[in-house]
PDB file of N, CA and C in Angstrom:
ATOM      1  N   MET A   1      -9.910  33.920  28.161  1.00  0.00           N
ATOM      2  CA  MET A   1      -8.889  32.996  27.723  1.00  0.00           C
ATOM      3  C   MET A   1      -9.512  31.754  27.103  1.00  0.00           C
ATOM      4  N   GLY A   2     -10.677  31.398  27.566  1.00  0.00           N
ATOM      5  CA  GLY A   2     -11.362  30.216  27.049  1.00  0.00           C
ATOM      6  C   GLY A   2     -11.785  30.376  25.593  1.00  0.00           C
ATOM      7  N   ILE A   3     -12.077  31.615  25.185  1.00  0.00           N
ATOM      8  CA  ILE A   3     -12.503  31.857  23.806  1.00  0.00           C
ATOM      9  C   ILE A   3     -11.365  31.583  22.829  1.00  0.00           C
ATOM     10  N   PHE A   4     -10.119  31.820  23.259  1.00  0.00           N
ATOM     11  CA  PHE A   4      -8.973  31.545  22.392  1.00  0.00           C
ATOM     12  C   PHE A   4      -8.851  30.045  22.110  1.00  0.00           C
ATOM     13  N   ILE A   5      -9.131  29.245  23.100  1.00  0.00           N
ATOM     14  CA  ILE A   5      -9.075  27.791  22.923  1.00  0.00           C
ATOM     15  C   ILE A   5     -10.169  27.340  21.966  1.00  0.00           C
ATOM     16  N   VAL A   6     -11.353  27.906  22.121  1.00  0.00           N
ATOM     17  CA  VAL A   6     -12.467  27.554  21.237  1.00  0.00           C
ATOM     18  C   VAL A   6     -12.160  27.972  19.803  1.00  0.00           C
ATOM     19  N   ILE A   7     -11.640  29.179  19.630  1.00  0.00           N
ATOM     20  CA  ILE A   7     -11.310  29.665  18.285  1.00  0.00           C
ATOM     21  C   ILE A   7     -10.194  28.825  17.673  1.00  0.00           C
ATOM     22  N   ALA A   8      -9.189  28.464  18.456  1.00  0.00           N
ATOM     23  CA  ALA A   8      -8.092  27.635  17.954  1.00  0.00           C
ATOM     24  C   ALA A   8      -8.604  26.258  17.538  1.00  0.00           C
ATOM     25  N   LEU A   9      -9.464  25.664  18.332  1.00  0.00           N
ATOM     26  CA  LEU A   9     -10.016  24.353  17.980  1.00  0.00           C
ATOM     27  C   LEU A   9     -10.892  24.428  16.734  1.00  0.00           C
ATOM     28  N   LEU A  10     -11.677  25.480  16.612  1.00  0.00           N
ATOM     29  CA  LEU A  10     -12.512  25.641  15.421  1.00  0.00           C
ATOM     30  C   LEU A  10     -11.663  25.852  14.175  1.00  0.00           C
ATOM     31  N   SER A  11     -10.602  26.636  14.297  1.00  0.00           N
ATOM     32  CA  SER A  11      -9.749  26.862  13.131  1.00  0.00           C
ATOM     33  C   SER A  11      -9.024  25.580  12.733  1.00  0.00           C
ATOM     34  N   LEU A  12      -8.580  24.784  13.699  1.00  0.00           N
ATOM     35  CA  LEU A  12      -7.954  23.507  13.380  1.00  0.00           C
ATOM     36  C   LEU A  12      -8.952  22.543  12.745  1.00  0.00           C
ATOM     37  N   LEU A  13     -10.171  22.571  13.210  1.00  0.00           N
ATOM     38  CA  LEU A  13     -11.215  21.724  12.626  1.00  0.00           C
ATOM     39  C   LEU A  13     -11.515  22.133  11.188  1.00  0.00           C
ATOM     40  N   MET A  14     -11.593  23.439  10.943  1.00  0.00           N
ATOM     41  CA  MET A  14     -11.831  23.916   9.585  1.00  0.00           C
ATOM     42  C   MET A  14     -10.654  23.590   8.669  1.00  0.00           C
ATOM     43  N   ALA A  15      -9.439  23.774   9.156  1.00  0.00           N
ATOM     44  CA  ALA A  15      -8.257  23.459   8.347  1.00  0.00           C
ATOM     45  C   ALA A  15      -8.212  21.974   8.030  1.00  0.00           C
ATOM     46  N   GLY A  16      -8.549  21.142   8.979  1.00  0.00           N
ATOM     47  CA  GLY A  16      -8.601  19.700   8.734  1.00  0.00           C
ATOM     48  C   GLY A  16      -9.663  19.348   7.705  1.00  0.00           C
ATOM     49  N   GLY A  17     -10.793  20.029   7.765  1.00  0.00           N
ATOM     50  CA  GLY A  17     -11.845  19.793   6.782  1.00  0.00           C
ATOM     51  C   GLY A  17     -11.415  20.176   5.376  1.00  0.00           C
ATOM     52  N   PHE A  18     -10.735  21.313   5.257  1.00  0.00           N
ATOM     53  CA  PHE A  18     -10.233  21.725   3.945  1.00  0.00           C
ATOM     54  C   PHE A  18      -9.163  20.762   3.443  1.00  0.00           C
ATOM     55  N   LEU A  19      -8.316  20.277   4.325  1.00  0.00           N
ATOM     56  CA  LEU A  19      -7.289  19.319   3.932  1.00  0.00           C
ATOM     57  C   LEU A  19      -7.917  18.020   3.446  1.00  0.00           C
ATOM     58  N   ILE A  20      -8.912  17.545   4.149  1.00  0.00           N
ATOM     59  CA  ILE A  20      -9.606  16.316   3.743  1.00  0.00           C
ATOM     60  C   ILE A  20     -10.296  16.521   2.397  1.00  0.00           C
ATOM     61  N   ALA A  21     -10.945  17.673   2.205  1.00  0.00           N
ATOM     62  CA  ALA A  21     -11.607  17.950   0.929  1.00  0.00           C
ATOM     63  C   ALA A  21     -10.601  18.031  -0.209  1.00  0.00           C
ATOM     64  N   PHE A  22      -9.445  18.647   0.037  1.00  0.00           N
ATOM     65  CA  PHE A  22      -8.419  18.747  -0.993  1.00  0.00           C
ATOM     66  C   PHE A  22      -7.875  17.372  -1.359  1.00  0.00           C
ATOM     67  N   LEU A  23      -7.551  16.568  -0.357  1.00  0.00           N
ATOM     68  CA  LEU A  23      -7.018  15.234  -0.634  1.00  0.00           C
ATOM     69  C   LEU A  23      -8.040  14.363  -1.350  1.00  0.00           C
ATOM     70  N   TRP A  24      -9.306  14.510  -0.994  1.00  0.00           N
ATOM     71  CA  TRP A  24     -10.368  13.744  -1.653  1.00  0.00           C
ATOM     72  C   TRP A  24     -10.494  14.162  -3.114  1.00  0.00           C
ATOM     73  N   SER A  25     -10.405  15.458  -3.386  1.00  0.00           N
ATOM     74  CA  SER A  25     -10.531  15.919  -4.773  1.00  0.00           C
ATOM     75  C   SER A  25      -9.327  15.504  -5.612  1.00  0.00           C
ATOM     76  N   VAL A  26      -8.141  15.481  -5.022  1.00  0.00           N
ATOM     77  CA  VAL A  26      -6.959  15.024  -5.754  1.00  0.00           C
ATOM     78  C   VAL A  26      -7.086  13.536  -6.063  1.00  0.00           C
ATOM     79  N   LYS A  27      -7.536  12.764  -5.087  1.00  0.00           N
ATOM     80  CA  LYS A  27      -7.683  11.319  -5.275  1.00  0.00           C
ATOM     81  C   LYS A  27      -8.785  11.010  -6.295  1.00  0.00           C
ATOM     82  N   ASP A  28      -9.798  11.842  -6.341  1.00  0.00           N
ATOM     83  CA  ASP A  28     -10.919  11.640  -7.252  1.00  0.00           C
ATOM     84  C   ASP A  28     -10.588  12.062  -8.680  1.00  0.00           C
ATOM     85  N   GLY A  29      -9.452  12.749  -8.883  1.00  0.00           N
ATOM     86  CA  GLY A  29      -9.051  13.156 -10.223  1.00  0.00           C
ATOM     87  C   GLY A  29      -9.561  14.510 -10.639  1.00  0.00           C
ATOM     88  N   GLN A  30      -9.943  15.342  -9.681  1.00  0.00           N
ATOM     89  CA  GLN A  30     -10.481  16.654 -10.002  1.00  0.00           C
ATOM     90  C   GLN A  30      -9.454  17.546 -10.688  1.00  0.00           C
ATOM     91  N   PHE A  31      -8.189  17.369 -10.373  1.00  0.00           N
ATOM     92  CA  PHE A  31      -7.152  18.241 -10.903  1.00  0.00           C
ATOM     93  C   PHE A  31      -6.404  17.624 -12.077  1.00  0.00           C
ATOM     94  N   ASP A  32      -6.874  16.524 -12.606  1.00  0.00           N
ATOM     95  CA  ASP A  32      -6.249  15.929 -13.777  1.00  0.00           C
ATOM     96  C   ASP A  32      -6.585  16.779 -14.999  1.00  0.00           C
ATOM     97  N   ASP A  33      -5.576  17.152 -15.726  1.00  0.00           N
ATOM     98  CA  ASP A  33      -5.757  17.995 -16.907  1.00  0.00           C
ATOM     99  C   ASP A  33      -5.478  17.145 -18.140  1.00  0.00           C
ATOM    100  N   ASN A  34      -6.516  16.729 -18.804  1.00  0.00           N
ATOM    101  CA  ASN A  34      -6.375  15.883 -19.985  1.00  0.00           C
ATOM    102  C   ASN A  34      -6.419  16.681 -21.287  1.00  0.00           C
ATOM    103  N   TYR A  35      -6.698  17.964 -21.210  1.00  0.00           N
ATOM    104  CA  TYR A  35      -6.838  18.767 -22.419  1.00  0.00           C
ATOM    105  C   TYR A  35      -5.549  19.500 -22.792  1.00  0.00           C
ATOM    106  N   SER A  36      -4.911  20.118 -21.830  1.00  0.00           N
ATOM    107  CA  SER A  36      -3.764  20.983 -22.133  1.00  0.00           C
ATOM    108  C   SER A  36      -2.527  20.265 -22.661  1.00  0.00           C
ATOM    109  N   PRO A  37      -2.067  19.172 -22.061  1.00  0.00           N
ATOM    110  CA  PRO A  37      -0.814  18.583 -22.553  1.00  0.00           C
ATOM    111  C   PRO A  37      -0.813  18.202 -24.035  1.00  0.00           C
ATOM    112  N   PRO A  38      -1.860  17.582 -24.587  1.00  0.00           N
ATOM    113  CA  PRO A  38      -1.808  17.263 -26.019  1.00  0.00           C
ATOM    114  C   PRO A  38      -1.849  18.498 -26.913  1.00  0.00           C
ATOM    115  N   ASN A  39      -2.489  19.559 -26.450  1.00  0.00           N
ATOM    116  CA  ASN A  39      -2.631  20.755 -27.277  1.00  0.00           C
ATOM    117  C   ASN A  39      -1.529  21.775 -27.054  1.00  0.00           C
ATOM    118  N   ARG A  40      -0.716  21.588 -26.045  1.00  0.00           N
ATOM    119  CA  ARG A  40       0.348  22.547 -25.755  1.00  0.00           C
ATOM    120  C   ARG A  40       1.362  22.598 -26.886  1.00  0.00           C
ATOM    121  N   ILE A  41       1.608  21.474 -27.537  1.00  0.00           N
ATOM    122  CA  ILE A  41       2.593  21.444 -28.622  1.00  0.00           C
ATOM    123  C   ILE A  41       2.082  22.202 -29.856  1.00  0.00           C
ATOM    124  N   LEU A  42       0.774  22.305 -30.007  1.00  0.00           N
ATOM    125  CA  LEU A  42       0.218  22.994 -31.168  1.00  0.00           C
ATOM    126  C   LEU A  42       0.374  24.502 -31.066  1.00  0.00           C
ATOM    127  N   PHE A  43       0.433  25.028 -29.872  1.00  0.00           N
ATOM    128  CA  PHE A  43       0.475  26.470 -29.666  1.00  0.00           C
ATOM    129  C   PHE A  43       1.801  26.881 -29.039  1.00  0.00           C
ATOM    130  N   ASP A  44       2.875  26.330 -29.524  1.00  0.00           N
ATOM    131  CA  ASP A  44       4.195  26.637 -28.992  1.00  0.00           C
ATOM    132  C   ASP A  44       4.591  28.058 -29.376  1.00  0.00           C
ATOM    133  N   ASN A  45       4.931  28.846 -28.400  1.00  0.00           N
ATOM    134  CA  ASN A  45       5.356  30.226 -28.646  1.00  0.00           C
ATOM    135  C   ASN A  45       6.842  30.232 -28.952  1.00  0.00           C
ATOM    136  N   LYS A  46       7.157  30.686 -30.140  1.00  0.00           N
ATOM    137  CA  LYS A  46       8.557  30.751 -30.530  1.00  0.00           C
ATOM    138  C   LYS A  46       9.121  32.112 -30.109  1.00  0.00           C
ATOM    139  N   PRO A  47      10.361  32.116 -29.659  1.00  0.00           N
ATOM    140  CA  PRO A  47      10.942  33.411 -29.259  1.00  0.00           C
ATOM    141  C   PRO A  47      11.090  34.333 -30.473  1.00  0.00           C
ATOM    142  N   SER A  48      10.862  35.601 -30.236  1.00  0.00           N
ATOM    143  CA  SER A  48      10.982  36.574 -31.323  1.00  0.00           C
ATOM    144  C   SER A  48      12.447  36.824 -31.618  1.00  0.00           C
ATOM    145  N   PRO A  49      12.767  37.098 -32.880  1.00  0.00           N
ATOM    146  CA  PRO A  49      14.182  37.352 -33.234  1.00  0.00           C
ATOM    147  C   PRO A  49      14.637  38.673 -32.608  1.00  0.00           C
ATOM    148  N   LYS A  50      15.885  38.690 -32.209  1.00  0.00           N
ATOM    149  CA  LYS A  50      16.429  39.908 -31.612  1.00  0.00           C
ATOM    150  C   LYS A  50      16.806  40.891 -32.717  1.00  0.00           C
ATOM    151  N   ASN A  51      16.523  42.151 -32.465  1.00  0.00           N
ATOM    152  CA  ASN A  51      16.829  43.196 -33.463  1.00  0.00           C
ATOM    153  C   ASN A  51      18.200  43.757 -33.259  1.00  0.00           C
TER     154      ASN A  51
END
């Protein structure tokens, strides 16, 4: 039964670490996309005419 507690604590610790890493990367601007929005208008897919 003790191993379940250890595994649960380790999984919570790992999940907390991933959450901290994700929040740090979002705050640091890792997921900011500066390329796609200006170029999205250039490659607009027009719907095909219906036959």
